[in-house]
Each structure stands twice: as structure tokens, then as C-alpha cells.
N, C-alpha and C. Protein backbone atom coordinates (compact mmCIF):
# COMPACT_ATOMS: atom_id res chain seq x y z
N MET A 1 222.29 74.19 99.60
CA MET A 1 222.41 73.03 100.48
C MET A 1 221.04 72.60 100.98
N SER A 2 220.96 71.39 101.36
CA SER A 2 219.73 70.80 101.87
C SER A 2 219.56 71.10 103.35
N TYR A 3 218.31 71.16 103.81
CA TYR A 3 218.02 71.36 105.22
C TYR A 3 218.62 70.24 106.07
N SER A 4 218.80 69.06 105.50
CA SER A 4 219.28 67.90 106.26
C SER A 4 220.76 67.93 106.57
N THR A 5 221.52 68.79 105.90
CA THR A 5 222.96 68.80 106.12
C THR A 5 223.32 69.27 107.53
N GLN A 6 222.39 69.86 108.25
CA GLN A 6 222.67 70.25 109.64
C GLN A 6 222.98 69.04 110.53
N PHE A 7 222.63 67.84 110.08
CA PHE A 7 222.86 66.63 110.85
C PHE A 7 224.19 65.94 110.54
N LEU A 8 224.88 66.41 109.50
CA LEU A 8 226.14 65.78 109.11
C LEU A 8 227.16 65.82 110.24
N ASN A 9 227.79 64.67 110.47
CA ASN A 9 228.81 64.50 111.51
C ASN A 9 228.27 64.73 112.92
N LYS A 10 226.97 64.51 113.10
CA LYS A 10 226.35 64.63 114.42
C LYS A 10 225.73 63.29 114.81
N LYS A 11 225.67 63.06 116.12
CA LYS A 11 225.04 61.85 116.63
C LYS A 11 223.53 62.03 116.60
N VAL A 12 222.82 61.04 116.10
CA VAL A 12 221.36 61.07 116.01
C VAL A 12 220.81 59.73 116.48
N THR A 13 219.55 59.74 116.86
CA THR A 13 218.85 58.51 117.23
C THR A 13 217.77 58.24 116.20
N VAL A 14 217.83 57.06 115.61
CA VAL A 14 216.86 56.65 114.60
C VAL A 14 215.83 55.72 115.25
N THR A 15 214.56 56.07 115.09
CA THR A 15 213.47 55.18 115.46
C THR A 15 213.19 54.32 114.24
N VAL A 16 213.41 53.02 114.36
CA VAL A 16 213.30 52.12 113.21
C VAL A 16 211.86 51.62 113.11
N ASP A 17 211.19 52.02 112.04
CA ASP A 17 209.82 51.56 111.82
C ASP A 17 209.73 50.55 110.68
N ARG A 18 210.83 50.38 109.96
CA ARG A 18 210.90 49.36 108.91
C ARG A 18 212.19 48.59 109.13
N LYS A 19 212.05 47.51 109.84
CA LYS A 19 213.21 46.73 110.24
C LYS A 19 213.74 45.87 109.10
N MET A 20 215.02 45.60 109.20
CA MET A 20 215.68 44.72 108.25
C MET A 20 214.86 43.44 108.10
N GLY A 21 214.58 43.06 106.85
CA GLY A 21 213.85 41.83 106.57
C GLY A 21 212.35 41.98 106.47
N THR A 22 211.82 43.18 106.75
CA THR A 22 210.38 43.38 106.64
C THR A 22 210.02 43.92 105.26
N LYS A 23 208.75 43.80 104.92
CA LYS A 23 208.26 44.22 103.61
C LYS A 23 207.65 45.61 103.70
N HIS A 24 207.86 46.40 102.67
CA HIS A 24 207.26 47.74 102.59
C HIS A 24 205.74 47.59 102.65
N PRO A 25 205.05 48.45 103.41
CA PRO A 25 203.60 48.29 103.57
C PRO A 25 202.78 48.50 102.29
N LYS A 26 203.30 49.24 101.31
CA LYS A 26 202.54 49.50 100.08
C LYS A 26 203.19 48.92 98.83
N HIS A 27 204.51 48.93 98.79
CA HIS A 27 205.23 48.48 97.60
C HIS A 27 205.77 47.08 97.84
N ASN A 28 206.08 46.39 96.79
CA ASN A 28 206.45 44.98 96.91
C ASN A 28 207.96 44.78 97.00
N TYR A 29 208.60 45.34 98.02
CA TYR A 29 210.02 45.07 98.23
C TYR A 29 210.30 44.94 99.72
N PHE A 30 211.42 44.26 100.01
CA PHE A 30 211.84 44.03 101.38
C PHE A 30 212.96 45.00 101.74
N TYR A 31 213.08 45.29 103.01
CA TYR A 31 214.16 46.15 103.51
C TYR A 31 215.37 45.28 103.88
N PRO A 32 216.48 45.45 103.15
CA PRO A 32 217.69 44.69 103.48
C PRO A 32 218.47 45.32 104.64
N ILE A 33 218.04 46.52 105.04
CA ILE A 33 218.67 47.25 106.15
C ILE A 33 217.57 47.85 107.02
N ASN A 34 217.96 48.33 108.18
CA ASN A 34 217.01 49.03 109.05
C ASN A 34 216.79 50.44 108.51
N TYR A 35 215.54 50.89 108.60
CA TYR A 35 215.15 52.19 108.04
C TYR A 35 214.15 52.82 109.00
N GLY A 36 214.32 54.10 109.23
CA GLY A 36 213.40 54.76 110.15
C GLY A 36 213.43 56.26 110.02
N TYR A 37 213.29 56.94 111.15
CA TYR A 37 213.17 58.39 111.14
C TYR A 37 213.74 58.99 112.41
N ILE A 38 213.98 60.29 112.35
CA ILE A 38 214.46 61.05 113.50
C ILE A 38 213.22 61.67 114.14
N ALA A 39 212.86 61.17 115.30
CA ALA A 39 211.62 61.60 115.97
C ALA A 39 211.64 63.11 116.24
N GLY A 40 210.55 63.75 115.88
CA GLY A 40 210.38 65.17 116.15
C GLY A 40 211.01 66.11 115.15
N VAL A 41 211.71 65.59 114.15
CA VAL A 41 212.34 66.43 113.13
C VAL A 41 211.51 66.28 111.85
N MET A 42 210.80 67.33 111.50
CA MET A 42 209.92 67.28 110.34
C MET A 42 210.68 67.65 109.06
N ALA A 43 210.39 66.91 108.01
CA ALA A 43 210.96 67.16 106.69
C ALA A 43 209.94 67.93 105.85
N PRO A 44 210.37 68.52 104.74
CA PRO A 44 209.45 69.27 103.89
C PRO A 44 208.27 68.45 103.36
N ASP A 45 208.38 67.13 103.33
CA ASP A 45 207.28 66.31 102.83
C ASP A 45 206.17 66.14 103.87
N GLY A 46 206.34 66.75 105.06
CA GLY A 46 205.31 66.67 106.09
C GLY A 46 205.44 65.50 107.03
N HIS A 47 206.46 64.65 106.83
CA HIS A 47 206.72 63.51 107.70
C HIS A 47 208.05 63.73 108.42
N GLU A 48 208.32 62.89 109.40
CA GLU A 48 209.59 63.02 110.11
C GLU A 48 210.74 62.61 109.18
N LEU A 49 211.91 63.20 109.42
CA LEU A 49 213.09 63.00 108.59
C LEU A 49 213.53 61.55 108.61
N ASP A 50 213.67 60.95 107.42
CA ASP A 50 214.02 59.54 107.28
C ASP A 50 215.51 59.30 107.39
N ALA A 51 215.84 58.04 107.76
CA ALA A 51 217.25 57.67 107.90
C ALA A 51 217.44 56.19 107.57
N TYR A 52 218.53 55.93 106.85
CA TYR A 52 218.98 54.56 106.62
C TYR A 52 220.04 54.25 107.67
N VAL A 53 219.98 53.06 108.25
CA VAL A 53 220.99 52.60 109.20
C VAL A 53 221.87 51.59 108.48
N LEU A 54 223.15 51.90 108.33
CA LEU A 54 224.09 51.03 107.62
C LEU A 54 225.04 50.37 108.60
N GLY A 55 225.42 49.13 108.29
CA GLY A 55 226.43 48.43 109.09
C GLY A 55 225.89 47.70 110.30
N VAL A 56 224.58 47.59 110.45
CA VAL A 56 223.96 46.84 111.53
C VAL A 56 223.23 45.66 110.89
N PHE A 57 223.57 44.47 111.29
CA PHE A 57 223.12 43.29 110.55
C PHE A 57 222.08 42.46 111.29
N LYS A 58 221.26 43.14 112.06
CA LYS A 58 220.12 42.50 112.71
C LYS A 58 219.02 43.57 112.86
N PRO A 59 217.76 43.15 112.92
CA PRO A 59 216.68 44.12 113.12
C PRO A 59 216.82 44.79 114.49
N VAL A 60 216.59 46.10 114.53
CA VAL A 60 216.65 46.87 115.78
C VAL A 60 215.43 47.79 115.87
N ASP A 61 215.09 48.19 117.08
CA ASP A 61 213.98 49.12 117.30
C ASP A 61 214.43 50.57 117.21
N THR A 62 215.62 50.84 117.76
CA THR A 62 216.22 52.17 117.69
C THR A 62 217.71 52.00 117.46
N PHE A 63 218.33 53.08 116.99
CA PHE A 63 219.76 53.03 116.74
C PHE A 63 220.33 54.42 116.94
N GLU A 64 221.41 54.50 117.72
CA GLU A 64 222.12 55.76 117.89
C GLU A 64 223.44 55.66 117.16
N GLY A 65 223.67 56.61 116.25
CA GLY A 65 224.90 56.59 115.48
C GLY A 65 225.20 57.96 114.90
N MET A 66 226.21 57.98 114.04
CA MET A 66 226.66 59.23 113.41
C MET A 66 226.07 59.35 112.01
N CYS A 67 225.62 60.54 111.68
CA CYS A 67 225.17 60.83 110.33
C CYS A 67 226.40 61.18 109.50
N ILE A 68 226.73 60.30 108.56
CA ILE A 68 227.94 60.52 107.75
C ILE A 68 227.63 61.12 106.38
N ALA A 69 226.37 61.07 105.98
CA ALA A 69 226.00 61.58 104.65
C ALA A 69 224.50 61.81 104.59
N VAL A 70 224.09 62.55 103.58
CA VAL A 70 222.67 62.80 103.30
C VAL A 70 222.42 62.45 101.85
N ILE A 71 221.39 61.67 101.62
CA ILE A 71 220.93 61.46 100.24
C ILE A 71 219.90 62.55 99.98
N HIS A 72 220.26 63.47 99.10
CA HIS A 72 219.38 64.59 98.76
C HIS A 72 218.72 64.26 97.43
N ARG A 73 217.44 63.99 97.49
CA ARG A 73 216.68 63.66 96.27
C ARG A 73 216.40 64.93 95.48
N LEU A 74 216.73 64.89 94.22
CA LEU A 74 216.55 66.05 93.36
C LEU A 74 215.15 66.12 92.76
N ASN A 75 214.45 64.99 92.73
CA ASN A 75 213.10 64.96 92.16
C ASN A 75 212.05 64.59 93.21
N ASP A 76 212.34 64.88 94.47
CA ASP A 76 211.43 64.59 95.57
C ASP A 76 211.89 65.44 96.76
N ASP A 77 211.00 65.76 97.68
CA ASP A 77 211.41 66.60 98.83
C ASP A 77 211.58 65.77 100.09
N ASP A 78 212.24 64.63 99.94
CA ASP A 78 212.36 63.67 101.03
C ASP A 78 213.80 63.20 101.16
N ASP A 79 214.66 63.98 101.82
CA ASP A 79 216.05 63.58 102.05
C ASP A 79 216.11 62.39 102.99
N LYS A 80 217.23 61.69 102.94
CA LYS A 80 217.48 60.53 103.81
C LYS A 80 218.85 60.69 104.46
N LEU A 81 218.91 60.56 105.78
CA LEU A 81 220.19 60.55 106.47
C LEU A 81 220.82 59.17 106.35
N ILE A 82 222.14 59.12 106.30
CA ILE A 82 222.88 57.87 106.34
C ILE A 82 223.54 57.82 107.72
N VAL A 83 223.09 56.86 108.54
CA VAL A 83 223.53 56.79 109.94
C VAL A 83 224.27 55.47 110.15
N VAL A 84 225.45 55.56 110.79
CA VAL A 84 226.31 54.39 110.99
C VAL A 84 226.87 54.38 112.41
N LEU A 85 227.45 53.25 112.79
CA LEU A 85 228.17 53.20 114.06
C LEU A 85 229.31 54.20 114.02
N GLU A 86 229.56 54.84 115.13
CA GLU A 86 230.63 55.83 115.20
C GLU A 86 231.96 55.20 114.77
N GLY A 87 232.66 55.88 113.87
CA GLY A 87 233.94 55.40 113.38
C GLY A 87 233.87 54.58 112.09
N LYS A 88 232.67 54.16 111.69
CA LYS A 88 232.52 53.40 110.45
C LYS A 88 232.53 54.34 109.26
N VAL A 89 233.06 53.86 108.15
CA VAL A 89 233.15 54.66 106.94
C VAL A 89 232.54 53.89 105.78
N PHE A 90 231.75 54.58 104.98
CA PHE A 90 231.18 54.02 103.76
C PHE A 90 231.42 55.01 102.64
N SER A 91 231.89 54.53 101.50
CA SER A 91 232.09 55.39 100.33
C SER A 91 230.74 55.71 99.70
N ASP A 92 230.71 56.71 98.84
CA ASP A 92 229.48 57.02 98.12
C ASP A 92 228.99 55.81 97.32
N ASP A 93 229.90 55.09 96.68
CA ASP A 93 229.52 53.91 95.90
C ASP A 93 228.93 52.83 96.79
N GLU A 94 229.50 52.63 97.97
CA GLU A 94 228.95 51.64 98.90
C GLU A 94 227.56 52.04 99.35
N ILE A 95 227.39 53.33 99.69
CA ILE A 95 226.08 53.82 100.12
C ILE A 95 225.05 53.59 99.01
N ARG A 96 225.39 53.98 97.79
CA ARG A 96 224.46 53.82 96.67
C ARG A 96 224.07 52.35 96.47
N ALA A 97 225.04 51.46 96.57
CA ALA A 97 224.75 50.03 96.39
C ALA A 97 223.81 49.52 97.48
N ILE A 98 224.02 49.94 98.71
CA ILE A 98 223.22 49.45 99.83
C ILE A 98 221.78 49.98 99.78
N VAL A 99 221.59 51.23 99.38
CA VAL A 99 220.24 51.82 99.40
C VAL A 99 219.53 51.76 98.05
N ASP A 100 220.15 51.10 97.09
CA ASP A 100 219.58 51.03 95.74
C ASP A 100 218.19 50.39 95.71
N PHE A 101 217.88 49.53 96.66
CA PHE A 101 216.57 48.87 96.68
C PHE A 101 215.43 49.89 96.67
N GLN A 102 215.68 51.09 97.21
CA GLN A 102 214.66 52.13 97.25
C GLN A 102 215.05 53.36 96.43
N GLU A 103 216.31 53.73 96.49
CA GLU A 103 216.75 54.98 95.85
C GLU A 103 216.83 54.89 94.33
N ARG A 104 216.79 53.70 93.76
CA ARG A 104 216.84 53.57 92.29
C ARG A 104 215.67 54.25 91.61
N PHE A 105 214.62 54.53 92.35
CA PHE A 105 213.43 55.18 91.79
C PHE A 105 213.53 56.71 91.78
N PHE A 106 214.65 57.24 92.29
CA PHE A 106 214.81 58.69 92.43
C PHE A 106 216.15 59.14 91.87
N THR A 107 216.23 60.41 91.55
CA THR A 107 217.49 61.04 91.17
C THR A 107 217.99 61.76 92.42
N SER A 108 219.24 61.50 92.79
CA SER A 108 219.74 62.07 94.04
C SER A 108 221.23 62.36 93.95
N GLU A 109 221.69 63.09 94.96
CA GLU A 109 223.10 63.32 95.16
C GLU A 109 223.42 63.01 96.61
N ILE A 110 224.66 62.61 96.86
CA ILE A 110 225.09 62.34 98.24
C ILE A 110 225.86 63.54 98.73
N LEU A 111 225.41 64.09 99.84
CA LEU A 111 226.03 65.27 100.43
C LEU A 111 226.83 64.87 101.67
N ARG A 112 227.98 65.48 101.82
CA ARG A 112 228.85 65.27 102.99
C ARG A 112 229.49 66.59 103.37
N VAL A 113 230.06 66.62 104.55
CA VAL A 113 230.84 67.80 104.95
C VAL A 113 232.18 67.73 104.21
N SER A 114 232.56 68.83 103.56
CA SER A 114 233.83 68.80 102.82
C SER A 114 235.00 69.16 103.68
């Protein structure tokens, strides 16, 4: 299991540093969703643990929600939490479609609590 699975089904706060509609600072793509990190939680890549915010349709600075899944990259050491409003549900296929703008460059699996 991935180190990130400890956050599954727990409330987390995402600090959004790449807001919906902004452009990636190095690569030539835009963020169709809010994307950020969990402050103070370090990932194996040496940066704070990243998170996608799903189901929020405006740019936000921070977001508190439930971690419903983890995208565990098999060819990179940078997992991503999937964070949503409490009570919202997204299927694996929906998650993959929403995060494809960035995740298409990696091989990954979606982890959930069984």
C-alpha cells in the first residue's frame, strides 16, 4: 500500500497553489480543476503531498473536504489525493477523466478503502 492511503476517508485541508483556469508554471497546459497540497505533509518526492480538488467549479485558495481516493503513480513517487465535498461520490472512471490533463503522462492506479 501507498503511504498516502492513511488519508483515505479522512477530512483534509488543501492549500490550492494552482487554481482552476491557471497555467502550469513550466508545462504548457491549464488546470481545469483546483490543485494543491496538504501543508506540512511531506511526500517521498521531497515536496508536500499533492491533492486534486474535484466538484468545485470556481478557483479557491483553500479547500476542506474528504479524501475519497489516492492516485498512486507506479512510475513516479508522487501520489495525489482526490479530495471532494463531503458526501460527493466519483467513480474511478470519472476521476481518471477529470485528472487526465496531467495524469495521462504517468502510469497509475486508484486506491480506495475496500
